[in-house]
Protein backbone atom coordinates (compact mmCIF):
# COMPACT_ATOMS: atom_id res chain seq x y z
CA MET A 1 4.93 -5.81 -43.90
CA ALA A 2 7.49 -8.28 -45.18
CA ASN A 3 6.52 -10.63 -48.01
CA ILE A 4 6.81 -14.39 -47.89
CA ASP A 5 9.07 -14.24 -50.92
CA GLU A 6 11.69 -12.36 -48.91
CA TYR A 7 13.15 -15.54 -47.48
CA ASN A 8 14.91 -18.13 -49.53
CA GLU A 9 12.30 -20.77 -50.46
CA GLN A 10 14.91 -23.26 -51.57
CA GLU A 11 16.98 -22.84 -48.38
CA PHE A 12 13.92 -23.38 -46.23
CA ASN A 13 12.81 -26.47 -48.15
CA SER A 14 16.25 -27.99 -47.77
CA LEU A 15 15.74 -27.99 -44.00
CA ASP A 16 12.26 -29.49 -44.20
CA ASN A 17 13.43 -32.96 -45.14
CA ALA A 18 13.19 -35.11 -42.03
CA SER A 19 10.25 -37.30 -41.14
CA LEU A 20 8.78 -38.44 -37.86
CA PRO A 21 6.66 -41.57 -37.44
CA GLY A 22 3.27 -40.94 -38.95
CA GLY A 23 4.58 -38.68 -41.67
CA ALA A 24 4.85 -35.48 -39.59
CA LYS A 25 7.63 -33.17 -40.66
CA ASN A 26 10.41 -32.30 -38.22
CA VAL A 27 13.37 -29.92 -38.54
CA ASN A 28 16.30 -28.81 -36.45
CA SER A 29 15.03 -26.10 -34.11
CA MET A 30 18.31 -24.14 -33.99
CA GLU A 31 18.58 -24.10 -37.78
CA ILE A 32 15.01 -22.87 -38.05
CA GLN A 33 15.76 -20.16 -35.49
CA ASN A 34 18.86 -19.02 -37.36
CA LEU A 35 17.04 -19.08 -40.65
CA VAL A 36 14.11 -17.04 -39.34
CA THR A 37 16.49 -14.49 -37.81
CA LYS A 38 18.48 -14.24 -41.00
CA GLN A 39 15.85 -14.36 -43.68
CA THR A 40 12.59 -13.03 -42.22
CA ASN A 41 11.45 -9.70 -40.92
CA GLY A 42 7.74 -9.82 -40.26
CA SER A 43 4.92 -11.64 -38.52
CA ALA A 44 3.41 -12.85 -41.80
CA ILE A 45 6.60 -14.74 -42.67
CA TYR A 46 6.80 -16.22 -39.19
CA ALA A 47 3.18 -17.36 -39.31
CA ASP A 48 3.70 -18.97 -42.70
CA LEU A 49 6.80 -20.72 -41.38
CA LEU A 50 4.83 -22.21 -38.49
CA GLN A 51 2.14 -23.45 -40.83
CA ARG A 52 4.63 -25.31 -43.01
CA THR A 53 6.47 -27.04 -40.15
CA ASN A 54 5.75 -28.80 -36.88
CA LEU A 55 6.80 -25.67 -34.94
CA ASP A 56 3.37 -24.71 -33.62
CA ILE A 57 3.86 -22.57 -30.51
CA ASP A 58 0.27 -23.16 -29.40
CA ASN A 59 0.96 -26.89 -29.31
CA SER A 60 2.82 -27.58 -26.07
CA ALA A 61 4.33 -30.76 -27.55
CA SER A 62 5.72 -29.09 -30.68
CA ASP A 63 9.40 -28.56 -31.32
CA LEU A 64 9.16 -24.80 -31.06
CA ALA A 65 7.29 -24.85 -27.74
CA ARG A 66 9.75 -27.30 -26.22
CA PHE A 67 12.69 -25.30 -27.60
CA ILE A 68 11.39 -22.09 -26.03
CA ARG A 69 10.79 -23.76 -22.66
CA ALA A 70 14.28 -25.29 -22.75
CA ASN A 71 15.64 -21.74 -22.95
CA GLY A 72 13.71 -20.56 -19.91
CA ILE A 73 10.82 -18.83 -21.68
CA TYR A 74 7.34 -19.93 -20.65
CA GLN A 75 3.78 -19.07 -21.47
CA ARG A 76 1.30 -18.28 -18.73
CA ASN A 77 -0.30 -21.74 -18.83
CA ASP A 78 3.12 -23.40 -18.41
CA PHE A 79 3.13 -22.51 -14.71
CA ASP A 80 1.29 -24.79 -12.30
CA ASP A 81 2.95 -24.09 -8.97
CA PHE A 82 0.60 -26.14 -6.82
CA ASN A 83 0.31 -29.35 -8.84
CA THR A 84 3.63 -29.84 -10.66
CA PHE A 85 7.32 -29.88 -9.82
CA TYR A 86 9.89 -27.89 -11.80
CA LEU A 87 13.08 -29.70 -12.71
CA PHE A 88 14.94 -26.39 -12.82
CA PRO A 89 14.09 -23.01 -11.27
CA ARG A 90 11.69 -20.95 -13.35
CA MET A 91 11.26 -17.19 -13.47
CA ASP A 92 7.59 -16.31 -13.72
CA PRO A 93 7.25 -12.84 -15.30
CA TYR A 94 3.44 -13.06 -15.14
CA LYS A 95 3.40 -13.07 -11.32
CA MET A 96 6.55 -11.02 -10.68
CA LEU A 97 6.11 -8.51 -7.88
CA GLY A 98 7.82 -5.56 -9.55
CA THR A 99 8.18 -2.16 -7.93
CA THR A 100 5.97 -1.32 -4.94
CA ARG A 101 4.88 1.72 -2.97
CA GLU A 102 3.71 2.06 0.63
CA TYR A 103 0.83 4.20 1.85
CA VAL A 104 0.20 4.75 5.56
CA PHE A 105 -2.95 6.41 6.88
CA PHE A 106 -3.14 7.77 10.44
CA THR A 107 -6.54 8.07 12.08
CA LYS A 108 -7.21 11.27 13.98
CA PRO A 109 -7.32 11.18 17.80
CA ASP A 110 -9.94 13.14 19.71
CA LEU A 111 -8.07 15.25 22.23
CA HIS A 112 -10.08 17.75 24.23
CA ILE A 113 -8.34 20.90 22.96
CA PHE A 114 -11.34 22.91 21.75
CA ARG A 115 -14.84 23.24 23.12
CA THR A 116 -17.06 20.46 21.78
CA THR A 117 -20.28 22.49 21.88
CA GLU A 118 -21.17 24.46 18.77
CA ASP A 119 -22.98 27.68 19.62
CA ALA A 120 -22.93 31.35 18.69
CA ALA A 121 -19.83 31.99 20.77
CA ASN A 122 -18.00 28.99 19.27
CA LYS A 123 -19.19 29.29 15.70
CA ASP A 124 -15.76 28.86 14.15
CA GLY A 125 -14.79 26.15 16.63
CA SER A 126 -11.52 27.82 17.63
CA ILE A 127 -12.40 28.51 21.29
CA LEU A 128 -10.16 26.47 23.56
CA ASN A 129 -11.46 24.00 26.08
CA PRO A 130 -11.94 26.00 29.31
CA GLU A 131 -9.73 23.49 31.13
CA ILE A 132 -6.72 24.56 29.06
CA ALA A 133 -7.90 28.00 27.95
CA ASN A 134 -5.16 29.69 29.99
CA ASP A 135 -2.40 27.34 28.90
CA PRO A 136 0.29 29.52 27.25
CA PHE A 137 1.26 26.91 24.67
CA PHE A 138 -2.22 26.31 23.30
CA ARG A 139 -3.04 30.04 23.39
CA MET A 140 0.10 30.66 21.37
CA MET A 141 -0.83 27.96 18.85
CA VAL A 142 -4.24 29.53 18.27
CA SER A 143 -2.91 33.09 18.04
CA ARG A 144 -0.25 32.05 15.50
CA GLY A 145 -2.79 30.45 13.19
CA TYR A 146 -2.23 26.78 13.95
CA ALA A 147 -5.80 26.15 15.13
CA TYR A 148 -7.15 25.10 11.74
CA SER A 149 -4.08 23.06 10.78
CA VAL A 150 -2.06 21.43 13.54
CA LEU A 151 -4.59 21.48 16.40
CA ALA A 152 -7.53 20.58 14.16
CA ASN A 153 -5.69 17.34 13.30
CA LEU A 154 -5.62 16.39 16.97
CA GLN A 155 -9.34 16.60 17.74
CA TYR A 156 -11.77 14.68 15.57
CA THR A 157 -14.99 16.10 17.06
CA ALA A 158 -14.01 19.77 17.22
CA PRO A 159 -16.87 21.85 15.78
CA GLY A 160 -16.23 24.32 12.99
CA PHE A 161 -13.39 22.31 11.44
CA ASP A 162 -13.29 19.59 8.80
CA ASN A 163 -14.07 17.02 11.45
CA ARG A 164 -15.48 14.66 8.86
CA ASN A 165 -11.92 13.73 7.95
CA PRO A 166 -10.91 10.74 10.11
CA PHE A 167 -7.30 10.85 8.86
CA ILE A 168 -4.27 13.09 9.37
CA PRO A 169 -3.07 13.91 5.84
CA ILE A 170 0.06 15.79 6.89
CA LEU A 171 1.54 12.70 8.57
CA SER A 172 0.84 10.58 5.48
CA ASN A 173 2.29 13.24 3.19
CA TYR A 174 5.42 13.91 5.25
CA LYS A 175 6.26 10.31 6.16
CA GLN A 176 9.71 9.32 4.88
CA SER A 177 10.27 5.77 6.18
CA ASN A 178 8.37 2.51 6.01
CA LEU A 179 6.11 1.30 8.78
CA GLU A 180 7.72 -1.64 10.58
CA LEU A 181 5.76 -4.83 11.26
CA ASN A 182 6.65 -7.65 13.62
CA SER A 183 7.00 -11.24 12.49
CA VAL A 184 4.44 -13.79 13.63
CA THR A 185 6.09 -16.22 16.03
CA ALA A 186 4.31 -18.98 17.90
CA ASP A 187 5.00 -20.01 21.47
CA ASP A 188 5.95 -23.55 22.50
CA ILE A 189 4.92 -25.76 25.38
CA GLU A 190 6.92 -28.83 26.33
CA SER A 191 5.79 -32.11 27.74
CA ALA A 192 7.33 -33.75 30.77
CA VAL A 193 10.65 -35.54 30.34
CA ASN A 194 10.41 -39.33 30.18
CA MET A 195 12.86 -41.85 31.63
CA TYR A 196 15.11 -41.47 28.56
CA GLY A 197 15.32 -37.68 28.87
CA THR A 198 13.06 -37.13 25.84
CA LYS A 199 10.42 -34.46 25.68
CA ILE A 200 8.05 -33.27 22.97
CA ALA A 201 7.32 -29.65 22.08
CA TYR A 202 3.86 -28.57 21.03
CA ARG A 203 3.06 -25.45 19.10
CA GLN A 204 0.96 -22.89 20.90
CA SER A 205 -0.73 -19.81 19.44
CA SER A 206 1.00 -16.73 18.10
CA TYR A 207 -1.25 -14.21 19.82
CA ARG A 208 1.66 -12.58 21.62
CA SER A 209 3.18 -11.61 18.25
CA ASP A 210 0.14 -9.43 17.58
CA GLU A 211 0.53 -7.40 20.77
CA TYR A 212 2.76 -4.67 22.13
CA THR A 213 4.89 -3.41 19.29
CA ASP A 214 7.30 -0.48 19.30
CA PHE A 215 8.37 1.07 16.01
CA SER A 216 9.85 4.25 14.59
CA LEU A 217 8.77 6.51 11.75
CA ASP A 218 10.76 9.24 9.99
CA PHE A 219 9.17 12.46 8.79
CA ARG A 220 10.22 15.54 6.90
CA ASP A 221 9.06 19.01 7.88
CA ASP A 222 8.66 22.54 6.51
CA ARG A 223 9.82 25.95 7.68
CA TYR A 224 6.67 26.40 9.79
CA LEU A 225 7.33 23.15 11.68
CA ASN A 226 3.79 21.92 11.07
CA CYS A 227 4.73 18.28 11.52
CA TYR A 228 6.97 18.87 14.54
CA LEU A 229 4.34 20.99 16.27
CA TRP A 230 1.80 18.20 15.83
CA PHE A 231 4.00 15.92 17.95
CA LYS A 232 4.76 18.76 20.36
CA ALA A 233 1.07 19.60 20.85
CA TYR A 234 0.20 15.92 21.37
CA ASP A 235 2.88 15.57 24.03
CA HIS A 236 1.91 18.85 25.71
CA TYR A 237 -1.71 17.71 25.96
CA GLN A 238 -0.62 14.39 27.50
CA LYS A 239 1.28 16.29 30.19
CA ARG A 240 -1.85 18.26 31.09
CA LYS A 241 -3.79 15.00 31.11
CA ALA A 242 -1.27 13.37 33.48
CA GLU A 243 -1.66 16.35 35.80
CA GLY A 244 -5.43 15.85 35.85
CA ARG A 245 -6.13 19.23 34.26
CA VAL A 246 -8.06 18.02 31.24
CA SER A 247 -10.98 15.61 30.82
CA PRO A 248 -12.06 13.51 27.81
CA ALA A 249 -13.83 15.36 25.00
CA HIS A 250 -17.06 13.40 25.56
CA GLN A 251 -18.52 11.66 28.58
CA GLU A 252 -19.24 8.57 26.46
CA TYR A 253 -15.52 7.90 26.24
CA SER A 254 -15.35 7.29 29.98
CA ILE A 255 -18.60 5.32 30.10
CA HIS A 256 -17.67 2.97 27.23
CA LYS A 257 -13.94 2.79 28.04
CA ILE A 258 -12.89 4.40 24.74
CA ILE A 259 -9.26 5.50 24.58
CA SER A 260 -9.78 8.66 22.54
CA ASP A 261 -6.16 9.79 22.40
CA GLN A 262 -4.87 6.74 20.53
CA MET A 263 -4.87 6.06 16.79
CA THR A 264 -4.97 3.32 14.19
CA LEU A 265 -2.36 3.12 11.44
CA PHE A 266 -3.40 1.51 8.15
CA LYS A 267 -0.64 0.30 5.85
CA PHE A 268 -1.12 -0.58 2.17
CA ILE A 269 1.56 -1.85 -0.21
CA VAL A 270 0.50 -1.39 -3.84
CA GLY A 271 2.04 -2.87 -6.98
CA GLU A 272 3.71 -1.22 -9.93
CA ASP A 273 0.39 0.04 -11.30
CA GLY A 274 0.05 2.22 -8.19
CA GLU A 275 -3.30 0.81 -7.07
CA THR A 276 -3.36 -3.00 -6.89
CA ILE A 277 -2.97 -3.90 -3.21
CA ILE A 278 -0.27 -6.49 -2.57
CA HIS A 279 -0.45 -6.46 1.23
CA TRP A 280 -2.46 -4.62 3.85
CA SER A 281 -2.12 -4.36 7.61
CA CYS A 282 -2.97 -2.17 10.56
CA ILE A 283 -1.67 -1.34 14.03
CA LEU A 284 -4.30 -0.49 16.63
CA GLY A 285 -3.92 1.57 19.78
CA CYS A 286 -1.00 3.66 18.53
CA TYR A 287 0.47 6.79 20.05
CA PRO A 288 3.74 8.69 19.57
CA LYS A 289 6.17 8.38 22.48
CA SER A 290 8.71 11.02 21.51
CA VAL A 291 9.05 14.61 20.39
CA PRO A 292 12.12 14.91 18.12
CA ARG A 293 13.59 17.95 19.86
CA GLU A 294 17.14 16.73 19.21
CA THR A 295 16.60 17.60 15.54
CA PHE A 296 17.34 21.23 16.33
CA SER A 297 20.71 20.46 17.89
CA ASP A 298 22.34 20.46 14.45
CA MET A 299 20.32 21.92 11.60
CA PRO A 300 20.88 20.36 8.16
CA ALA A 301 22.97 22.36 5.74
CA ASP A 302 20.79 21.44 2.76
CA GLY A 303 17.68 22.97 4.33
CA GLN A 304 15.80 19.65 4.35
CA LEU A 305 14.48 19.05 7.84
CA HIS A 306 14.02 15.39 8.82
CA PHE A 307 13.46 13.71 12.16
CA SER A 308 12.65 10.29 13.62
CA THR A 309 9.84 9.51 16.07
CA THR A 310 9.13 6.46 18.22
CA TRP A 311 5.66 4.95 18.52
CA HIS A 312 3.90 2.25 20.47
CA GLY A 313 1.07 0.04 19.25
CA SER A 314 -1.13 -2.31 21.24
CA PHE A 315 -2.27 -4.73 18.52
CA GLN A 316 -1.37 -5.46 14.92
CA ASP A 317 -2.87 -7.60 12.20
CA ASP A 318 -2.51 -8.11 8.47
CA MET A 319 -4.40 -9.59 5.51
CA ASN A 320 -7.63 -9.54 7.52
CA PRO A 321 -10.72 -8.43 5.56
CA LYS A 322 -11.97 -6.65 8.68
CA ILE A 323 -9.13 -4.16 8.17
CA LEU A 324 -10.52 -3.24 4.75
CA ASP A 325 -14.05 -2.96 6.13
CA HIS A 326 -12.82 -0.69 8.91
CA PHE A 327 -10.85 1.45 6.47
CA ASN A 328 -13.75 1.82 4.02
CA TRP A 329 -16.12 2.67 6.85
CA LEU A 330 -13.87 5.58 7.80
CA CYS A 331 -13.63 6.63 4.16
CA ASN A 332 -17.43 6.65 3.87
CA VAL A 333 -17.53 9.01 6.84
CA ARG A 334 -15.08 11.27 5.03
CA MET A 335 -17.17 11.23 1.83
CA TYR A 336 -20.46 11.92 3.65
CA GLY A 337 -21.84 8.61 2.39
CA LYS A 338 -21.41 9.71 -1.25
CA GLN A 339 -18.82 8.74 -3.83
CA PRO A 340 -17.05 11.64 -5.60
CA ASP A 341 -15.54 11.30 -9.05
CA GLU A 342 -12.59 8.95 -9.23
CA LEU A 343 -9.10 10.40 -9.55
CA PRO A 344 -7.15 8.06 -11.86
CA ILE A 345 -3.49 7.34 -11.30
CA TYR A 346 -2.69 7.91 -14.99
CA ASP A 347 -3.99 10.94 -16.87
CA ASP A 348 -4.63 9.95 -20.49
CA THR A 349 -5.09 13.58 -21.50
CA ILE A 350 -1.50 14.57 -20.72
CA GLN A 351 -0.08 11.05 -21.13
CA ASN A 352 1.47 11.10 -17.66
CA VAL A 353 0.76 10.19 -14.05
CA THR A 354 -1.54 12.63 -12.31
CA GLY A 355 -0.08 15.33 -10.12
CA GLU A 356 -3.35 16.30 -8.46
CA ALA A 357 -4.27 15.96 -4.80
CA ALA A 358 -6.85 13.40 -3.73
CA PHE A 359 -9.77 13.99 -1.39
CA CYS A 360 -10.07 10.49 0.02
CA PRO A 361 -8.93 6.90 -0.66
CA TYR A 362 -11.16 3.86 -0.91
CA VAL A 363 -10.61 0.12 -1.39
CA THR A 364 -12.46 -1.68 -4.17
CA GLN A 365 -12.53 -5.31 -5.29
CA TYR A 366 -12.04 -6.57 -8.82
CA LYS A 367 -11.46 -9.81 -10.73
CA PRO A 368 -8.74 -9.65 -13.41
CA THR A 369 -9.37 -11.51 -16.65
CA ASN A 370 -5.99 -13.26 -16.70
CA SER A 371 -6.04 -14.59 -13.14
CA ASP A 372 -8.29 -16.56 -10.81
CA ILE A 373 -7.24 -14.43 -7.82
CA VAL A 374 -9.69 -11.75 -6.74
CA GLN A 375 -7.68 -8.62 -5.96
CA TYR A 376 -8.21 -5.28 -4.24
CA LYS A 377 -7.35 -1.82 -5.50
CA LEU A 378 -6.64 1.39 -3.61
CA LYS A 379 -8.67 4.01 -5.44
CA TRP A 380 -8.55 7.78 -5.01
CA TYR A 381 -11.35 10.30 -5.30
CA GLN A 382 -11.24 13.92 -6.33
CA VAL A 383 -11.68 16.94 -4.13
CA PRO A 384 -15.38 17.95 -4.21
CA ASN A 385 -16.29 20.83 -6.55
CA LYS A 386 -13.04 20.29 -8.40
CA SER A 387 -13.17 18.09 -11.46
CA TYR A 388 -10.79 17.48 -14.32
CA ASP A 389 -11.25 16.09 -17.79
CA TYR A 390 -9.42 12.76 -17.58
CA GLN A 391 -11.05 11.32 -20.67
CA LYS A 392 -8.72 10.52 -23.51
CA ARG A 393 -9.19 13.00 -26.35
């Protein structure tokens, strides 16, 4: 560490020669800055310099604090956005958004593809619903080995599968574009026109902005067309449904007016730490409207298969705590009411971000020490019976 004798004592004292009312010492801030840059090289020297002058950075009225603010550098307590006005624009690095990442989770529909009764004949759950048991497409999907992958992600209550998973991981993993949201726009109603031709507009509600949204999502795919076949199987089932050949998976769906072939899409935007939630939203009553068959008109030369799909949603909402409650309720179903070990974003053991796969997400609440805003974090949990040593050695 540098020693206090390393700077020129006489040169410093020559600057410390002005007096303010009351006997307080005052010096030229730019000269002090140049002198510190030139003569000092350590925190001990800088601290000693502050003690011998009126340049106390912790004192907001000191020369040094005012000099730093005049050059656009502020401390955290210098920002009071709601109670003060700024003479010039200020950049607030403490609340800067930074880089973000989007996560979208698709809930699983409950199409009636497999038998819903679990018995000796349907122990593995791969027996087709008798209503479509002779359908060539679904028979082909089962015989080719897509029953436990593609078709299992179309029927939530199929026995014999991992039907405790309410989400469709392959769609979240293969998604390539961002989920579009509509702006909130209110309607107007106008009063009658008076004798001068004047009328007044009144703001109505914005409920219509939360309804009936169409959007598109891009996906990548693999050589086995797992993602494409998911859309193809969904569309093929809807054709059989339109023909009246297939019934709902459970009678309760008809009694309680449950639309079992639609989904909910949860969207989370996290900050640069990979887990602090900046914004959350959801679109209810979603279903894909297209099968991207045109993708195979011209295959990509680089071997990377991508396609775009169109979707429709009935309702959308954002920043509503009910969305988080709904999401966590689904996650609790996935985790059988238990909480596995947490999978951290950063692995201290290898000094890098983790490259492992997560079993299930979950939203938690926390209160940072440097802010009055209570925030939420998107946490991840490990695959059961698979643990890693994430403790720093």
